[in-house]
């Protein structure tokens, strides 16, 4: 039986393993047929920014193709394709505005903390992946 998992994430892309862990949890749940709802708060609203671009790495003397820099927007796009209507992603509007991070890939919508609290009431499990100081 499919379950509904709520994931609250706060970390921006590339700052820690927490974002990667969140994507792995989302992927595993979607692969098993579950519904996943993501609430991106604070820096996590940048996970789906469409303007992300790969880059070369002069330190490693690699060009863009050799570097194969992962982009979180591409991870999110793959999840949306795999999940169809079983993935709902809300970016906190206040967090988006203060970061200027409003140009997203297709899929996420703007919302607020009230979306997450409503999800907690009717979801099967809630995972909070906080940032650390």
C-alpha atoms as a PDB file:
ATOM      1  CA  UNK A   1       0.000   0.000   0.000  1.00  0.00           C
ATOM      2  CA  UNK A   2       1.380   3.407  -0.979  1.00  0.00           C
ATOM      3  CA  UNK A   3       2.216   5.816   1.804  1.00  0.00           C
ATOM      4  CA  UNK A   4       2.653   9.591   1.840  1.00  0.00           C
ATOM      5  CA  UNK A   5       6.002  10.884   3.062  1.00  0.00           C
ATOM      6  CA  UNK A   6       6.625  14.529   3.948  1.00  0.00           C
ATOM      7  CA  UNK A   7      10.197  15.773   3.738  1.00  0.00           C
ATOM      8  CA  UNK A   8      11.196  19.140   5.199  1.00  0.00           C
ATOM      9  CA  UNK A   9      14.633  20.215   3.987  1.00  0.00           C
ATOM     10  CA  UNK A  10      16.603  23.342   4.808  1.00  0.00           C
ATOM     11  CA  UNK A  11      20.106  22.993   3.313  1.00  0.00           C
ATOM     12  CA  UNK A  12      21.100  24.679   0.064  1.00  0.00           C
ATOM     13  CA  UNK A  13      22.708  22.706  -2.744  1.00  0.00           C
ATOM     14  CA  UNK A  14      26.306  21.580  -2.352  1.00  0.00           C
ATOM     15  CA  UNK A  15      26.779  22.669   1.279  1.00  0.00           C
ATOM     16  CA  UNK A  16      26.492  19.280   2.971  1.00  0.00           C
ATOM     17  CA  UNK A  17      25.504  15.688   2.499  1.00  0.00           C
ATOM     18  CA  UNK A  18      22.039  16.436   3.898  1.00  0.00           C
ATOM     19  CA  UNK A  19      20.693  17.560   0.521  1.00  0.00           C
ATOM     20  CA  UNK A  20      22.048  14.448  -1.170  1.00  0.00           C
ATOM     21  CA  UNK A  21      20.520  12.298   1.571  1.00  0.00           C
ATOM     22  CA  UNK A  22      17.139  13.987   1.062  1.00  0.00           C
ATOM     23  CA  UNK A  23      17.263  13.286  -2.679  1.00  0.00           C
ATOM     24  CA  UNK A  24      18.134   9.642  -2.000  1.00  0.00           C
ATOM     25  CA  UNK A  25      15.183   9.310   0.380  1.00  0.00           C
ATOM     26  CA  UNK A  26      12.859  10.897  -2.179  1.00  0.00           C
ATOM     27  CA  UNK A  27      14.136   8.609  -4.928  1.00  0.00           C
ATOM     28  CA  UNK A  28      13.761   5.459  -2.812  1.00  0.00           C
ATOM     29  CA  UNK A  29      10.203   6.330  -1.777  1.00  0.00           C
ATOM     30  CA  UNK A  30       9.150   7.206  -5.324  1.00  0.00           C
ATOM     31  CA  UNK A  31      10.735   4.013  -6.680  1.00  0.00           C
ATOM     32  CA  UNK A  32       8.557   2.018  -4.264  1.00  0.00           C
ATOM     33  CA  UNK A  33       5.404   3.771  -5.476  1.00  0.00           C
ATOM     34  CA  UNK A  34       4.945   6.150  -2.552  1.00  0.00           C
ATOM     35  CA  UNK A  35       3.773   9.755  -2.676  1.00  0.00           C
ATOM     36  CA  UNK A  36       6.421  12.298  -1.629  1.00  0.00           C
ATOM     37  CA  UNK A  37       5.816  15.894  -0.543  1.00  0.00           C
ATOM     38  CA  UNK A  38       8.862  18.139  -0.205  1.00  0.00           C
ATOM     39  CA  UNK A  39       8.843  21.427   1.652  1.00  0.00           C
ATOM     40  CA  UNK A  40      11.997  23.404   0.817  1.00  0.00           C
ATOM     41  CA  UNK A  41      12.800  26.046   3.406  1.00  0.00           C
ATOM     42  CA  UNK A  42      15.649  28.553   3.752  1.00  0.00           C
ATOM     43  CA  UNK A  43      18.546  27.656   1.423  1.00  0.00           C
ATOM     44  CA  UNK A  44      16.825  24.531   0.112  1.00  0.00           C
ATOM     45  CA  UNK A  45      14.676  26.711  -2.156  1.00  0.00           C
ATOM     46  CA  UNK A  46      17.772  26.857  -4.394  1.00  0.00           C
ATOM     47  CA  UNK A  47      17.677  23.103  -5.036  1.00  0.00           C
ATOM     48  CA  UNK A  48      15.272  23.636  -7.942  1.00  0.00           C
ATOM     49  CA  UNK A  49      16.649  26.888  -9.389  1.00  0.00           C
ATOM     50  CA  UNK A  50      16.643  26.609 -13.183  1.00  0.00           C
ATOM     51  CA  UNK A  51      19.716  28.834 -13.606  1.00  0.00           C
ATOM     52  CA  UNK A  52      22.135  26.256 -12.183  1.00  0.00           C
ATOM     53  CA  UNK A  53      24.917  25.497 -14.659  1.00  0.00           C
ATOM     54  CA  UNK A  54      27.795  23.022 -14.816  1.00  0.00           C
ATOM     55  CA  UNK A  55      31.304  24.410 -14.694  1.00  0.00           C
ATOM     56  CA  UNK A  56      34.885  23.380 -15.373  1.00  0.00           C
ATOM     57  CA  UNK A  57      37.275  22.761 -12.497  1.00  0.00           C
ATOM     58  CA  UNK A  58      40.599  24.521 -13.054  1.00  0.00           C
ATOM     59  CA  UNK A  59      42.009  22.914  -9.910  1.00  0.00           C
ATOM     60  CA  UNK A  60      41.552  19.470 -11.483  1.00  0.00           C
ATOM     61  CA  UNK A  61      42.287  20.828 -14.986  1.00  0.00           C
ATOM     62  CA  UNK A  62      38.942  19.509 -16.264  1.00  0.00           C
ATOM     63  CA  UNK A  63      36.521  21.099 -18.688  1.00  0.00           C
ATOM     64  CA  UNK A  64      32.740  21.095 -18.252  1.00  0.00           C
ATOM     65  CA  UNK A  65      32.272  17.683 -19.882  1.00  0.00           C
ATOM     66  CA  UNK A  66      35.092  16.041 -17.910  1.00  0.00           C
ATOM     67  CA  UNK A  67      34.038  17.514 -14.586  1.00  0.00           C
ATOM     68  CA  UNK A  68      30.484  16.075 -14.752  1.00  0.00           C
ATOM     69  CA  UNK A  69      29.328  18.479 -12.036  1.00  0.00           C
ATOM     70  CA  UNK A  70      25.988  17.281 -10.624  1.00  0.00           C
ATOM     71  CA  UNK A  71      23.150  19.784 -10.569  1.00  0.00           C
ATOM     72  CA  UNK A  72      20.391  19.466  -8.001  1.00  0.00           C
ATOM     73  CA  UNK A  73      17.894  20.904 -10.485  1.00  0.00           C
ATOM     74  CA  UNK A  74      18.574  17.863 -12.703  1.00  0.00           C
ATOM     75  CA  UNK A  75      18.098  15.489  -9.768  1.00  0.00           C
ATOM     76  CA  UNK A  76      14.757  17.141  -9.018  1.00  0.00           C
ATOM     77  CA  UNK A  77      13.719  17.014 -12.690  1.00  0.00           C
ATOM     78  CA  UNK A  78      14.415  13.265 -12.746  1.00  0.00           C
ATOM     79  CA  UNK A  79      12.313  12.778  -9.629  1.00  0.00           C
ATOM     80  CA  UNK A  80       9.407  14.694 -11.154  1.00  0.00           C
ATOM     81  CA  UNK A  81       9.611  12.558 -14.310  1.00  0.00           C
ATOM     82  CA  UNK A  82       9.752   9.322 -12.308  1.00  0.00           C
ATOM     83  CA  UNK A  83       7.005  10.278  -9.863  1.00  0.00           C
ATOM     84  CA  UNK A  84       4.479  12.016 -12.060  1.00  0.00           C
ATOM     85  CA  UNK A  85       1.735  13.227  -9.734  1.00  0.00           C
ATOM     86  CA  UNK A  86       3.250  11.386  -6.754  1.00  0.00           C
ATOM     87  CA  UNK A  87       5.741  14.222  -6.090  1.00  0.00           C
ATOM     88  CA  UNK A  88       4.656  17.567  -4.712  1.00  0.00           C
ATOM     89  CA  UNK A  89       7.335  20.178  -4.059  1.00  0.00           C
ATOM     90  CA  UNK A  90       6.702  23.472  -2.314  1.00  0.00           C
ATOM     91  CA  UNK A  91       9.323  26.197  -2.044  1.00  0.00           C
ATOM     92  CA  UNK A  92       8.775  28.588   0.858  1.00  0.00           C
ATOM     93  CA  UNK A  93       7.805  31.891  -0.756  1.00  0.00           C
ATOM     94  CA  UNK A  94       9.364  34.044   1.957  1.00  0.00           C
ATOM     95  CA  UNK A  95      12.651  32.154   1.609  1.00  0.00           C
ATOM     96  CA  UNK A  96      12.516  32.450  -2.184  1.00  0.00           C
ATOM     97  CA  UNK A  97      11.980  36.206  -2.041  1.00  0.00           C
ATOM     98  CA  UNK A  98      14.803  36.918   0.371  1.00  0.00           C
ATOM     99  CA  UNK A  99      17.226  34.841  -1.755  1.00  0.00           C
ATOM    100  CA  UNK A 100      16.022  35.918  -5.190  1.00  0.00           C
ATOM    101  CA  UNK A 101      15.644  32.228  -6.047  1.00  0.00           C
ATOM    102  CA  UNK A 102      12.363  32.313  -7.966  1.00  0.00           C
ATOM    103  CA  UNK A 103      13.323  30.932 -11.387  1.00  0.00           C
ATOM    104  CA  UNK A 104      12.580  27.209 -10.962  1.00  0.00           C
ATOM    105  CA  UNK A 105      12.398  24.113 -13.072  1.00  0.00           C
ATOM    106  CA  UNK A 106       8.896  22.840 -13.870  1.00  0.00           C
ATOM    107  CA  UNK A 107       7.254  21.152 -10.911  1.00  0.00           C
ATOM    108  CA  UNK A 108       7.725  23.112  -7.685  1.00  0.00           C
ATOM    109  CA  UNK A 109       5.154  25.624  -6.516  1.00  0.00           C
ATOM    110  CA  UNK A 110       5.306  28.566  -4.153  1.00  0.00           C
ATOM    111  CA  UNK A 111       3.829  28.114  -0.709  1.00  0.00           C
ATOM    112  CA  UNK A 112       4.398  28.685   2.963  1.00  0.00           C
ATOM    113  CA  UNK A 113       4.828  26.925   6.285  1.00  0.00           C
ATOM    114  CA  UNK A 114       1.060  26.341   6.440  1.00  0.00           C
ATOM    115  CA  UNK A 115       1.428  23.869   3.564  1.00  0.00           C
ATOM    116  CA  UNK A 116       3.848  21.794   5.589  1.00  0.00           C
ATOM    117  CA  UNK A 117       1.770  21.825   8.765  1.00  0.00           C
ATOM    118  CA  UNK A 118      -1.280  20.648   6.781  1.00  0.00           C
ATOM    119  CA  UNK A 119       0.806  17.819   5.298  1.00  0.00           C
ATOM    120  CA  UNK A 120       1.939  16.673   8.745  1.00  0.00           C
ATOM    121  CA  UNK A 121      -1.686  16.224   9.751  1.00  0.00           C
ATOM    122  CA  UNK A 122      -2.530  13.900   6.866  1.00  0.00           C
ATOM    123  CA  UNK A 123       0.775  12.249   5.899  1.00  0.00           C
ATOM    124  CA  UNK A 124       1.967   8.821   6.970  1.00  0.00           C
ATOM    125  CA  UNK A 125       5.473   9.917   7.987  1.00  0.00           C
ATOM    126  CA  UNK A 126       7.363  13.187   8.271  1.00  0.00           C
ATOM    127  CA  UNK A 127      11.110  13.553   7.945  1.00  0.00           C
ATOM    128  CA  UNK A 128      12.787  16.819   8.948  1.00  0.00           C
ATOM    129  CA  UNK A 129      16.319  17.310   7.688  1.00  0.00           C
ATOM    130  CA  UNK A 130      17.515  20.416   9.533  1.00  0.00           C
ATOM    131  CA  UNK A 131      20.609  22.453   8.935  1.00  0.00           C
ATOM    132  CA  UNK A 132      23.264  22.625  11.623  1.00  0.00           C
ATOM    133  CA  UNK A 133      25.175  25.581  12.977  1.00  0.00           C
END
